[in-house]
């Protein structure tokens, strides 16, 4: 039996990201602080995989810089994991992930996303190279409101699993 180590590794990263997003969200931070905290956490986590990290990794296409990826984990100079963190649908952020020669590409989307956004992502990413991590982060809620919503979500998950 062949073990899919890439799939296991990808799932570990996804679980880690969801856990860290929930930890940050519990702090009830602003939307910009959330983005930078997640960037920092991803940067520091790279050492757990014996990789280095670079925040603001430049993406260059035909000698023209088209932007920066939020975080890239490197083995030497070779990109292994690429992370783009966004709160809205942005074609340029998807293209940056497609242009990097990296084995794993994560588009971390926090906030509202429509079905049309998902359709557009799939249309642009024809070969399914990008892993979408969609997380509806709630900002500017009082801690007691956030706790009520989390309890409702947990109750729903319990009910759904029965």
Protein backbone atom coordinates (compact mmCIF):
# COMPACT_ATOMS: atom_id res chain seq x y z
CA UNK A 1 0.00 0.00 0.00
CA UNK A 2 1.35 3.43 -1.01
CA UNK A 3 1.16 6.12 1.66
CA UNK A 4 0.35 9.58 0.31
CA UNK A 5 2.83 11.60 2.37
CA UNK A 6 2.06 14.79 0.42
CA UNK A 7 -1.64 14.46 1.26
CA UNK A 8 -0.85 13.85 4.92
CA UNK A 9 1.50 16.83 5.01
CA UNK A 10 -1.06 19.07 3.29
CA UNK A 11 -3.77 18.00 5.77
CA UNK A 12 -1.44 18.69 8.71
CA UNK A 13 -0.83 22.21 7.42
CA UNK A 14 -4.56 22.80 6.89
CA UNK A 15 -5.37 21.64 10.45
CA UNK A 16 -2.59 23.84 11.83
CA UNK A 17 -3.89 26.89 9.93
CA UNK A 18 -7.48 26.39 11.11
CA UNK A 19 -6.29 25.97 14.71
CA UNK A 20 -4.20 29.13 14.55
CA UNK A 21 -7.00 31.13 12.92
CA UNK A 22 -9.32 30.11 15.75
CA UNK A 23 -6.67 31.09 18.32
CA UNK A 24 -6.22 34.52 16.74
CA UNK A 25 -9.97 35.00 16.35
CA UNK A 26 -10.51 34.34 20.07
CA UNK A 27 -8.34 37.39 20.77
CA UNK A 28 -10.93 39.58 18.99
CA UNK A 29 -8.30 41.48 16.97
CA UNK A 30 -8.79 43.91 14.09
CA UNK A 31 -8.81 42.67 10.51
CA UNK A 32 -5.34 44.09 9.73
CA UNK A 33 -3.85 42.71 12.94
CA UNK A 34 -5.35 39.31 12.09
CA UNK A 35 -3.57 39.28 8.73
CA UNK A 36 -0.16 40.14 10.19
CA UNK A 37 -0.51 37.74 13.12
CA UNK A 38 -1.29 34.87 10.76
CA UNK A 39 1.69 35.85 8.59
CA UNK A 40 3.96 35.80 11.64
CA UNK A 41 2.64 32.42 12.84
CA UNK A 42 3.16 30.88 9.39
CA UNK A 43 6.67 32.32 9.25
CA UNK A 44 7.66 30.83 12.61
CA UNK A 45 6.04 27.43 11.90
CA UNK A 46 8.39 26.78 8.94
CA UNK A 47 11.20 25.73 11.27
CA UNK A 48 9.06 22.79 12.45
CA UNK A 49 9.51 21.37 8.95
CA UNK A 50 13.22 22.26 8.73
CA UNK A 51 12.43 24.99 6.23
CA UNK A 52 13.18 28.68 6.22
CA UNK A 53 10.49 31.29 5.66
CA UNK A 54 10.27 34.51 3.76
CA UNK A 55 7.54 37.09 4.25
CA UNK A 56 6.83 39.17 1.17
CA UNK A 57 8.27 36.72 -1.34
CA UNK A 58 8.58 38.46 -4.74
CA UNK A 59 6.86 36.88 -7.74
CA UNK A 60 8.60 37.73 -11.00
CA UNK A 61 7.27 36.83 -14.43
CA UNK A 62 9.27 37.59 -17.57
CA UNK A 63 11.61 39.91 -15.62
CA UNK A 64 8.66 41.89 -14.28
CA UNK A 65 7.68 41.84 -10.60
CA UNK A 66 3.95 41.21 -10.30
CA UNK A 67 3.68 41.25 -6.53
CA UNK A 68 4.61 39.55 -3.29
CA UNK A 69 3.26 36.39 -1.68
CA UNK A 70 2.52 36.69 2.03
CA UNK A 71 4.69 33.79 3.21
CA UNK A 72 6.81 31.19 1.41
CA UNK A 73 8.59 28.27 3.07
CA UNK A 74 11.87 27.40 1.39
CA UNK A 75 14.26 24.48 1.26
CA UNK A 76 17.40 26.46 0.55
CA UNK A 77 16.20 28.70 -2.27
CA UNK A 78 13.50 26.31 -3.51
CA UNK A 79 9.91 27.26 -2.61
CA UNK A 80 8.03 24.31 -1.07
CA UNK A 81 4.96 25.97 0.53
CA UNK A 82 3.38 29.23 -0.63
CA UNK A 83 0.71 31.06 1.37
CA UNK A 84 -1.45 33.98 0.27
CA UNK A 85 -3.75 35.49 2.91
CA UNK A 86 -6.71 37.56 1.68
CA UNK A 87 -10.02 38.87 2.96
CA UNK A 88 -11.61 39.48 -0.43
CA UNK A 89 -11.59 37.89 -3.87
CA UNK A 90 -8.49 39.04 -5.73
CA UNK A 91 -7.44 37.56 -9.08
CA UNK A 92 -3.89 38.88 -8.66
CA UNK A 93 -3.40 36.88 -5.44
CA UNK A 94 -4.50 33.71 -7.25
CA UNK A 95 -2.16 34.43 -10.16
CA UNK A 96 0.78 34.94 -7.79
CA UNK A 97 0.17 31.45 -6.40
CA UNK A 98 -0.05 30.00 -9.90
CA UNK A 99 3.20 31.66 -11.01
CA UNK A 100 5.34 30.33 -8.16
CA UNK A 101 7.00 26.96 -8.72
CA UNK A 102 5.99 25.47 -5.38
CA UNK A 103 4.69 22.03 -4.52
CA UNK A 104 2.06 23.33 -2.08
CA UNK A 105 0.01 26.50 -2.62
CA UNK A 106 -2.51 27.75 -0.07
CA UNK A 107 -4.98 30.57 -0.62
CA UNK A 108 -6.21 31.46 2.88
CA UNK A 109 -9.43 33.41 2.54
CA UNK A 110 -11.02 34.92 5.62
CA UNK A 111 -14.25 36.81 5.31
CA UNK A 112 -17.19 36.57 2.94
CA UNK A 113 -16.91 34.56 -0.26
CA UNK A 114 -19.66 34.03 -2.80
CA UNK A 115 -20.31 30.98 -4.95
CA UNK A 116 -19.25 33.11 -7.92
CA UNK A 117 -15.88 33.73 -6.23
CA UNK A 118 -15.37 29.98 -5.85
CA UNK A 119 -16.39 29.44 -9.47
CA UNK A 120 -13.90 32.11 -10.59
CA UNK A 121 -11.12 30.53 -8.53
CA UNK A 122 -11.76 27.15 -10.14
CA UNK A 123 -11.89 28.77 -13.57
CA UNK A 124 -8.51 30.48 -13.08
CA UNK A 125 -6.88 27.48 -11.33
CA UNK A 126 -7.75 24.95 -14.05
CA UNK A 127 -5.35 22.27 -12.74
CA UNK A 128 -6.38 22.59 -9.06
CA UNK A 129 -2.90 23.60 -7.94
CA UNK A 130 -4.19 25.85 -5.16
CA UNK A 131 -5.69 24.64 -1.90
CA UNK A 132 -8.43 27.00 -0.74
CA UNK A 133 -8.70 27.44 3.01
CA UNK A 134 -11.94 29.35 3.53
CA UNK A 135 -12.63 30.64 7.00
CA UNK A 136 -15.36 33.16 7.84
CA UNK A 137 -13.65 35.27 10.48
CA UNK A 138 -15.90 37.50 12.53
CA UNK A 139 -14.48 40.87 13.51
CA UNK A 140 -15.59 43.54 15.95
CA UNK A 141 -17.81 41.23 17.99
CA UNK A 142 -17.98 41.40 21.74
CA UNK A 143 -16.43 38.31 23.40
CA UNK A 144 -19.82 37.12 24.68
CA UNK A 145 -21.32 37.40 21.16
CA UNK A 146 -18.42 35.43 19.74
CA UNK A 147 -18.89 32.71 22.39
CA UNK A 148 -22.61 32.42 21.57
CA UNK A 149 -21.84 32.00 17.86
CA UNK A 150 -19.16 29.39 18.56
CA UNK A 151 -21.57 27.48 20.81
CA UNK A 152 -24.20 27.52 18.04
CA UNK A 153 -21.62 26.22 15.56
CA UNK A 154 -20.55 23.43 17.93
CA UNK A 155 -24.18 22.47 18.60
CA UNK A 156 -24.83 22.35 14.84
CA UNK A 157 -21.73 20.21 14.23
CA UNK A 158 -22.83 17.79 16.96
CA UNK A 159 -26.35 17.62 15.52
CA UNK A 160 -25.01 17.15 11.98
CA UNK A 161 -22.80 14.23 13.02
CA UNK A 162 -25.66 12.28 14.63
